[in-house]
Amino acid sequence: DWKYYITKPNWNPNASLSRDSFDLNPFCVVDGNMVQPPKQMSHQCNVPEREGYHVILAVWDVGDTAASFYNVIDVKFDGD
């Protein structure tokens, strides 16, 4: 399964990222159906409204294993 988290509206971008920097509930969850994904894939998610610089944390929990992979994505919202 894939889960996507975003930094809280009031997070401090000058502080080190921590669990407390992120909303604890993922804004998007994609079921992996316990099968190996293709080499390339994409997900469509509705990203919560934010202003300015934020970080998205993408977590892939590999089905039927204890393995997880993490990616962070820098995003800048322009208010439009």
PDB file of N, CA and C in Angstrom:
ATOM      1  N   ASP A   1       0.834  -1.184   0.000  1.00  0.00           N
ATOM      2  CA  ASP A   1       0.000   0.000   0.000  1.00  0.00           C
ATOM      3  C   ASP A   1       0.878   1.246   0.000  1.00  0.00           C
ATOM      4  N   TRP A   2       0.375   2.297  -0.591  1.00  0.00           N
ATOM      5  CA  TRP A   2       1.060   3.587  -0.597  1.00  0.00           C
ATOM      6  C   TRP A   2       0.247   4.551   0.240  1.00  0.00           C
ATOM      7  N   LYS A   3       0.945   5.358   1.036  1.00  0.00           N
ATOM      8  CA  LYS A   3       0.299   6.391   1.843  1.00  0.00           C
ATOM      9  C   LYS A   3       1.060   7.688   1.635  1.00  0.00           C
ATOM     10  N   TYR A   4       0.307   8.772   1.522  1.00  0.00           N
ATOM     11  CA  TYR A   4       0.894  10.090   1.288  1.00  0.00           C
ATOM     12  C   TYR A   4       0.497  11.026   2.425  1.00  0.00           C
ATOM     13  N   TYR A   5       1.495  11.651   3.019  1.00  0.00           N
ATOM     14  CA  TYR A   5       1.305  12.585   4.128  1.00  0.00           C
ATOM     15  C   TYR A   5       1.842  13.950   3.714  1.00  0.00           C
ATOM     16  N   ILE A   6       1.316  15.017   4.299  1.00  0.00           N
ATOM     17  CA  ILE A   6       1.791  16.363   3.995  1.00  0.00           C
ATOM     18  C   ILE A   6       2.056  17.095   5.308  1.00  0.00           C
ATOM     19  N   THR A   7       2.982  18.030   5.246  1.00  0.00           N
ATOM     20  CA  THR A   7       3.288  18.811   6.435  1.00  0.00           C
ATOM     21  C   THR A   7       2.068  19.613   6.876  1.00  0.00           C
ATOM     22  N   LYS A   8       2.008  19.854   8.174  1.00  0.00           N
ATOM     23  CA  LYS A   8       0.908  20.618   8.757  1.00  0.00           C
ATOM     24  C   LYS A   8       0.946  22.054   8.243  1.00  0.00           C
ATOM     25  N   PRO A   9      -0.200  22.728   8.233  1.00  0.00           N
ATOM     26  CA  PRO A   9      -0.218  24.115   7.768  1.00  0.00           C
ATOM     27  C   PRO A   9       0.724  25.034   8.545  1.00  0.00           C
ATOM     28  N   ASN A  10       0.933  24.757   9.835  1.00  0.00           N
ATOM     29  CA  ASN A  10       1.757  25.637  10.664  1.00  0.00           C
ATOM     30  C   ASN A  10       3.160  25.083  10.927  1.00  0.00           C
ATOM     31  N   TRP A  11       3.644  24.163  10.111  1.00  0.00           N
ATOM     32  CA  TRP A  11       4.952  23.550  10.351  1.00  0.00           C
ATOM     33  C   TRP A  11       6.061  24.584  10.170  1.00  0.00           C
ATOM     34  N   ASN A  12       7.215  24.298  10.746  1.00  0.00           N
ATOM     35  CA  ASN A  12       8.363  25.197  10.656  1.00  0.00           C
ATOM     36  C   ASN A  12       9.346  24.639   9.630  1.00  0.00           C
ATOM     37  N   PRO A  13       9.443  25.234   8.445  1.00  0.00           N
ATOM     38  CA  PRO A  13      10.354  24.706   7.421  1.00  0.00           C
ATOM     39  C   PRO A  13      11.827  24.886   7.770  1.00  0.00           C
ATOM     40  N   ASN A  14      12.136  25.656   8.817  1.00  0.00           N
ATOM     41  CA  ASN A  14      13.524  25.845   9.234  1.00  0.00           C
ATOM     42  C   ASN A  14      13.969  24.813  10.260  1.00  0.00           C
ATOM     43  N   ALA A  15      13.041  24.020  10.767  1.00  0.00           N
ATOM     44  CA  ALA A  15      13.359  22.959  11.722  1.00  0.00           C
ATOM     45  C   ALA A  15      13.535  21.637  10.976  1.00  0.00           C
ATOM     46  N   SER A  16      14.229  20.703  11.606  1.00  0.00           N
ATOM     47  CA  SER A  16      14.389  19.371  11.015  1.00  0.00           C
ATOM     48  C   SER A  16      13.025  18.703  10.893  1.00  0.00           C
ATOM     49  N   LEU A  17      12.835  17.964   9.799  1.00  0.00           N
ATOM     50  CA  LEU A  17      11.582  17.226   9.632  1.00  0.00           C
ATOM     51  C   LEU A  17      11.465  16.163  10.711  1.00  0.00           C
ATOM     52  N   SER A  18      10.279  16.021  11.249  1.00  0.00           N
ATOM     53  CA  SER A  18      10.005  14.982  12.234  1.00  0.00           C
ATOM     54  C   SER A  18       8.574  14.504  12.019  1.00  0.00           C
ATOM     55  N   ARG A  19       8.216  13.466  12.729  1.00  0.00           N
ATOM     56  CA  ARG A  19       6.848  12.950  12.636  1.00  0.00           C
ATOM     57  C   ARG A  19       5.841  14.048  12.982  1.00  0.00           C
ATOM     58  N   ASP A  20       6.214  14.909  13.928  1.00  0.00           N
ATOM     59  CA  ASP A  20       5.320  15.980  14.353  1.00  0.00           C
ATOM     60  C   ASP A  20       5.128  17.047  13.272  1.00  0.00           C
ATOM     61  N   SER A  21       6.004  17.077  12.256  1.00  0.00           N
ATOM     62  CA  SER A  21       5.874  18.044  11.159  1.00  0.00           C
ATOM     63  C   SER A  21       4.695  17.716  10.246  1.00  0.00           C
ATOM     64  N   PHE A  22       4.265  16.450  10.248  1.00  0.00           N
ATOM     65  CA  PHE A  22       3.274  15.966   9.283  1.00  0.00           C
ATOM     66  C   PHE A  22       1.912  15.741   9.915  1.00  0.00           C
ATOM     67  N   ASP A  23       0.855  15.940   9.111  1.00  0.00           N
ATOM     68  CA  ASP A  23      -0.463  15.466   9.507  1.00  0.00           C
ATOM     69  C   ASP A  23      -0.357  13.958   9.694  1.00  0.00           C
ATOM     70  N   LEU A  24      -0.923  13.435  10.759  1.00  0.00           N
ATOM     71  CA  LEU A  24      -0.783  12.007  11.043  1.00  0.00           C
ATOM     72  C   LEU A  24      -1.683  11.135  10.179  1.00  0.00           C
ATOM     73  N   ASN A  25      -2.722  11.715   9.609  1.00  0.00           N
ATOM     74  CA  ASN A  25      -3.610  10.962   8.722  1.00  0.00           C
ATOM     75  C   ASN A  25      -3.180  11.194   7.282  1.00  0.00           C
ATOM     76  N   PRO A  26      -2.957  10.123   6.525  1.00  0.00           N
ATOM     77  CA  PRO A  26      -2.566  10.313   5.129  1.00  0.00           C
ATOM     78  C   PRO A  26      -3.688  10.976   4.335  1.00  0.00           C
ATOM     79  N   PHE A  27      -3.307  11.849   3.412  1.00  0.00           N
ATOM     80  CA  PHE A  27      -4.322  12.489   2.569  1.00  0.00           C
ATOM     81  C   PHE A  27      -4.664  11.624   1.371  1.00  0.00           C
ATOM     82  N   CYS A  28      -3.876  10.574   1.146  1.00  0.00           N
ATOM     83  CA  CYS A  28      -4.139   9.666   0.026  1.00  0.00           C
ATOM     84  C   CYS A  28      -3.620   8.282   0.395  1.00  0.00           C
ATOM     85  N   VAL A  29      -4.419   7.263   0.138  1.00  0.00           N
ATOM     86  CA  VAL A  29      -4.023   5.870   0.357  1.00  0.00           C
ATOM     87  C   VAL A  29      -4.368   5.093  -0.905  1.00  0.00           C
ATOM     88  N   VAL A  30      -3.381   4.343  -1.404  1.00  0.00           N
ATOM     89  CA  VAL A  30      -3.588   3.528  -2.599  1.00  0.00           C
ATOM     90  C   VAL A  30      -3.324   2.079  -2.214  1.00  0.00           C
ATOM     91  N   ASP A  31      -4.304   1.220  -2.414  1.00  0.00           N
ATOM     92  CA  ASP A  31      -4.201  -0.199  -2.078  1.00  0.00           C
ATOM     93  C   ASP A  31      -3.322  -0.905  -3.100  1.00  0.00           C
ATOM     94  N   GLY A  32      -2.296  -1.593  -2.613  1.00  0.00           N
ATOM     95  CA  GLY A  32      -1.394  -2.330  -3.495  1.00  0.00           C
ATOM     96  C   GLY A  32      -1.886  -3.724  -3.847  1.00  0.00           C
ATOM     97  N   ASN A  33      -2.981  -4.166  -3.233  1.00  0.00           N
ATOM     98  CA  ASN A  33      -3.594  -5.475  -3.519  1.00  0.00           C
ATOM     99  C   ASN A  33      -2.634  -6.646  -3.359  1.00  0.00           C
ATOM    100  N   MET A  34      -1.570  -6.433  -2.574  1.00  0.00           N
ATOM    101  CA  MET A  34      -0.620  -7.518  -2.264  1.00  0.00           C
ATOM    102  C   MET A  34       0.022  -8.126  -3.511  1.00  0.00           C
ATOM    103  N   VAL A  35       0.196  -7.326  -4.567  1.00  0.00           N
ATOM    104  CA  VAL A  35       0.865  -7.802  -5.777  1.00  0.00           C
ATOM    105  C   VAL A  35       2.042  -6.882  -6.093  1.00  0.00           C
ATOM    106  N   GLN A  36       3.002  -7.421  -6.826  1.00  0.00           N
ATOM    107  CA  GLN A  36       4.157  -6.622  -7.216  1.00  0.00           C
ATOM    108  C   GLN A  36       3.719  -5.553  -8.215  1.00  0.00           C
ATOM    109  N   PRO A  37       4.076  -4.296  -7.955  1.00  0.00           N
ATOM    110  CA  PRO A  37       3.668  -3.232  -8.882  1.00  0.00           C
ATOM    111  C   PRO A  37       4.528  -3.243 -10.140  1.00  0.00           C
ATOM    112  N   PRO A  38       4.064  -2.606 -11.202  1.00  0.00           N
ATOM    113  CA  PRO A  38       4.894  -2.477 -12.405  1.00  0.00           C
ATOM    114  C   PRO A  38       6.099  -1.583 -12.105  1.00  0.00           C
ATOM    115  N   LYS A  39       7.083  -1.585 -13.002  1.00  0.00           N
ATOM    116  CA  LYS A  39       8.299  -0.788 -12.783  1.00  0.00           C
ATOM    117  C   LYS A  39       8.000   0.699 -12.703  1.00  0.00           C
ATOM    118  N   GLN A  40       7.019   1.169 -13.442  1.00  0.00           N
ATOM    119  CA  GLN A  40       6.609   2.568 -13.374  1.00  0.00           C
ATOM    120  C   GLN A  40       5.114   2.623 -13.100  1.00  0.00           C
ATOM    121  N   MET A  41       4.759   3.507 -12.194  1.00  0.00           N
ATOM    122  CA  MET A  41       3.340   3.689 -11.904  1.00  0.00           C
ATOM    123  C   MET A  41       3.129   5.097 -11.382  1.00  0.00           C
ATOM    124  N   SER A  42       1.909   5.540 -11.424  1.00  0.00           N
ATOM    125  CA  SER A  42       1.578   6.855 -10.887  1.00  0.00           C
ATOM    126  C   SER A  42       0.264   6.744 -10.125  1.00  0.00           C
ATOM    127  N   HIS A  43       0.061   7.691  -9.223  1.00  0.00           N
ATOM    128  CA  HIS A  43      -1.165   7.744  -8.439  1.00  0.00           C
ATOM    129  C   HIS A  43      -1.784   9.121  -8.588  1.00  0.00           C
ATOM    130  N   GLN A  44      -3.088   9.171  -8.563  1.00  0.00           N
ATOM    131  CA  GLN A  44      -3.800  10.448  -8.574  1.00  0.00           C
ATOM    132  C   GLN A  44      -4.396  10.661  -7.191  1.00  0.00           C
ATOM    133  N   CYS A  45      -4.014  11.777  -6.583  1.00  0.00           N
ATOM    134  CA  CYS A  45      -4.463  12.096  -5.233  1.00  0.00           C
ATOM    135  C   CYS A  45      -4.943  13.537  -5.181  1.00  0.00           C
ATOM    136  N   ASN A  46      -5.903  13.800  -4.339  1.00  0.00           N
ATOM    137  CA  ASN A  46      -6.341  15.168  -4.070  1.00  0.00           C
ATOM    138  C   ASN A  46      -5.499  15.705  -2.920  1.00  0.00           C
ATOM    139  N   VAL A  47      -4.638  16.661  -3.239  1.00  0.00           N
ATOM    140  CA  VAL A  47      -3.723  17.221  -2.249  1.00  0.00           C
ATOM    141  C   VAL A  47      -4.455  18.302  -1.455  1.00  0.00           C
ATOM    142  N   PRO A  48      -4.313  18.283  -0.120  1.00  0.00           N
ATOM    143  CA  PRO A  48      -4.972  19.313   0.688  1.00  0.00           C
ATOM    144  C   PRO A  48      -4.462  20.714   0.342  1.00  0.00           C
ATOM    145  N   GLU A  49      -5.311  21.698   0.569  1.00  0.00           N
ATOM    146  CA  GLU A  49      -4.913  23.083   0.305  1.00  0.00           C
ATOM    147  C   GLU A  49      -3.850  23.513   1.305  1.00  0.00           C
ATOM    148  N   ARG A  50      -2.846  24.158   0.788  1.00  0.00           N
ATOM    149  CA  ARG A  50      -1.768  24.716   1.598  1.00  0.00           C
ATOM    150  C   ARG A  50      -1.305  25.989   0.922  1.00  0.00           C
ATOM    151  N   GLU A  51      -0.460  26.748   1.630  1.00  0.00           N
ATOM    152  CA  GLU A  51       0.162  27.935   1.062  1.00  0.00           C
ATOM    153  C   GLU A  51       1.661  27.833   1.260  1.00  0.00           C
ATOM    154  N   GLY A  52       2.416  28.232   0.239  1.00  0.00           N
ATOM    155  CA  GLY A  52       3.871  28.268   0.353  1.00  0.00           C
ATOM    156  C   GLY A  52       4.521  26.899   0.261  1.00  0.00           C
ATOM    157  N   TYR A  53       5.677  26.780   0.911  1.00  0.00           N
ATOM    158  CA  TYR A  53       6.513  25.578   0.833  1.00  0.00           C
ATOM    159  C   TYR A  53       6.022  24.508   1.799  1.00  0.00           C
ATOM    160  N   HIS A  54       5.916  23.275   1.289  1.00  0.00           N
ATOM    161  CA  HIS A  54       5.544  22.122   2.108  1.00  0.00           C
ATOM    162  C   HIS A  54       6.295  20.893   1.619  1.00  0.00           C
ATOM    163  N   VAL A  55       6.155  19.820   2.373  1.00  0.00           N
ATOM    164  CA  VAL A  55       6.798  18.551   2.034  1.00  0.00           C
ATOM    165  C   VAL A  55       5.737  17.460   2.056  1.00  0.00           C
ATOM    166  N   ILE A  56       5.780  16.601   1.040  1.00  0.00           N
ATOM    167  CA  ILE A  56       4.928  15.412   0.997  1.00  0.00           C
ATOM    168  C   ILE A  56       5.814  14.204   1.272  1.00  0.00           C
ATOM    169  N   LEU A  57       5.362  13.345   2.162  1.00  0.00           N
ATOM    170  CA  LEU A  57       6.052  12.098   2.473  1.00  0.00           C
ATOM    171  C   LEU A  57       5.253  10.966   1.850  1.00  0.00           C
ATOM    172  N   ALA A  58       5.903  10.216   0.962  1.00  0.00           N
ATOM    173  CA  ALA A  58       5.273   9.061   0.324  1.00  0.00           C
ATOM    174  C   ALA A  58       5.862   7.798   0.950  1.00  0.00           C
ATOM    175  N   VAL A  59       5.002   6.910   1.413  1.00  0.00           N
ATOM    176  CA  VAL A  59       5.437   5.670   2.060  1.00  0.00           C
ATOM    177  C   VAL A  59       4.826   4.497   1.309  1.00  0.00           C
ATOM    178  N   TRP A  60       5.691   3.599   0.862  1.00  0.00           N
ATOM    179  CA  TRP A  60       5.217   2.363   0.233  1.00  0.00           C
ATOM    180  C   TRP A  60       5.506   1.228   1.189  1.00  0.00           C
ATOM    181  N   ASP A  61       4.464   0.627   1.757  1.00  0.00           N
ATOM    182  CA  ASP A  61       4.590  -0.567   2.581  1.00  0.00           C
ATOM    183  C   ASP A  61       4.426  -1.762   1.658  1.00  0.00           C
ATOM    184  N   VAL A  62       5.505  -2.511   1.487  1.00  0.00           N
ATOM    185  CA  VAL A  62       5.495  -3.642   0.559  1.00  0.00           C
ATOM    186  C   VAL A  62       4.636  -4.756   1.150  1.00  0.00           C
ATOM    187  N   GLY A  63       3.639  -5.182   0.397  1.00  0.00           N
ATOM    188  CA  GLY A  63       2.712  -6.201   0.867  1.00  0.00           C
ATOM    189  C   GLY A  63       3.405  -7.497   1.236  1.00  0.00           C
ATOM    190  N   ASP A  64       2.962  -8.117   2.327  1.00  0.00           N
ATOM    191  CA  ASP A  64       3.429  -9.417   2.780  1.00  0.00           C
ATOM    192  C   ASP A  64       4.898  -9.411   3.184  1.00  0.00           C
ATOM    193  N   THR A  65       5.455  -8.222   3.493  1.00  0.00           N
ATOM    194  CA  THR A  65       6.820  -8.120   4.015  1.00  0.00           C
ATOM    195  C   THR A  65       6.836  -7.030   5.082  1.00  0.00           C
ATOM    196  N   ALA A  66       7.966  -6.918   5.758  1.00  0.00           N
ATOM    197  CA  ALA A  66       8.149  -5.838   6.734  1.00  0.00           C
ATOM    198  C   ALA A  66       8.826  -4.630   6.092  1.00  0.00           C
ATOM    199  N   ALA A  67       9.087  -4.692   4.788  1.00  0.00           N
ATOM    200  CA  ALA A  67       9.822  -3.634   4.094  1.00  0.00           C
ATOM    201  C   ALA A  67       8.928  -2.439   3.777  1.00  0.00           C
ATOM    202  N   SER A  68       9.530  -1.258   3.873  1.00  0.00           N
ATOM    203  CA  SER A  68       8.875  -0.009   3.473  1.00  0.00           C
ATOM    204  C   SER A  68       9.888   0.865   2.772  1.00  0.00           C
ATOM    205  N   PHE A  69       9.411   1.671   1.851  1.00  0.00           N
ATOM    206  CA  PHE A  69      10.257   2.628   1.138  1.00  0.00           C
ATOM    207  C   PHE A  69       9.662   4.013   1.333  1.00  0.00           C
ATOM    208  N   TYR A  70      10.546   5.004   1.465  1.00  0.00           N
ATOM    209  CA  TYR A  70      10.121   6.367   1.772  1.00  0.00           C
ATOM    210  C   TYR A  70      10.696   7.334   0.754  1.00  0.00           C
ATOM    211  N   ASN A  71       9.883   8.278   0.321  1.00  0.00           N
ATOM    212  CA  ASN A  71      10.324   9.379  -0.542  1.00  0.00           C
ATOM    213  C   ASN A  71       9.743  10.664   0.012  1.00  0.00           C
ATOM    214  N   VAL A  72      10.536  11.736  -0.075  1.00  0.00           N
ATOM    215  CA  VAL A  72      10.009  13.049   0.287  1.00  0.00           C
ATOM    216  C   VAL A  72       9.997  13.916  -0.959  1.00  0.00           C
ATOM    217  N   ILE A  73       8.968  14.733  -1.059  1.00  0.00           N
ATOM    218  CA  ILE A  73       8.746  15.558  -2.242  1.00  0.00           C
ATOM    219  C   ILE A  73       8.566  16.996  -1.781  1.00  0.00           C
ATOM    220  N   ASP A  74       9.420  17.890  -2.268  1.00  0.00           N
ATOM    221  CA  ASP A  74       9.278  19.317  -1.982  1.00  0.00           C
ATOM    222  C   ASP A  74       8.203  19.888  -2.893  1.00  0.00           C
ATOM    223  N   VAL A  75       7.265  20.627  -2.328  1.00  0.00           N
ATOM    224  CA  VAL A  75       6.206  21.249  -3.123  1.00  0.00           C
ATOM    225  C   VAL A  75       6.047  22.708  -2.707  1.00  0.00           C
ATOM    226  N   LYS A  76       5.661  23.524  -3.670  1.00  0.00           N
ATOM    227  CA  LYS A  76       5.381  24.928  -3.376  1.00  0.00           C
ATOM    228  C   LYS A  76       4.014  25.264  -3.938  1.00  0.00           C
ATOM    229  N   PHE A  77       3.134  25.703  -3.070  1.00  0.00           N
ATOM    230  CA  PHE A  77       1.781  26.083  -3.456  1.00  0.00           C
ATOM    231  C   PHE A  77       1.775  27.576  -3.740  1.00  0.00           C
ATOM    232  N   ASP A  78       1.207  27.945  -4.875  1.00  0.00           N
ATOM    233  CA  ASP A  78       1.198  29.360  -5.245  1.00  0.00           C
ATOM    234  C   ASP A  78      -0.127  30.045  -4.933  1.00  0.00           C
ATOM    235  N   GLY A  79      -1.063  29.314  -4.352  1.00  0.00           N
ATOM    236  CA  GLY A  79      -2.326  29.918  -3.954  1.00  0.00           C
ATOM    237  C   GLY A  79      -3.400  29.920  -5.018  1.00  0.00           C
ATOM    238  N   ASP A  80      -3.119  29.430  -6.214  1.00  0.00           N
ATOM    239  CA  ASP A  80      -4.127  29.386  -7.280  1.00  0.00           C
ATOM    240  C   ASP A  80      -4.904  28.093  -7.243  1.00  0.00           C
TER     241      ASP A  80
END
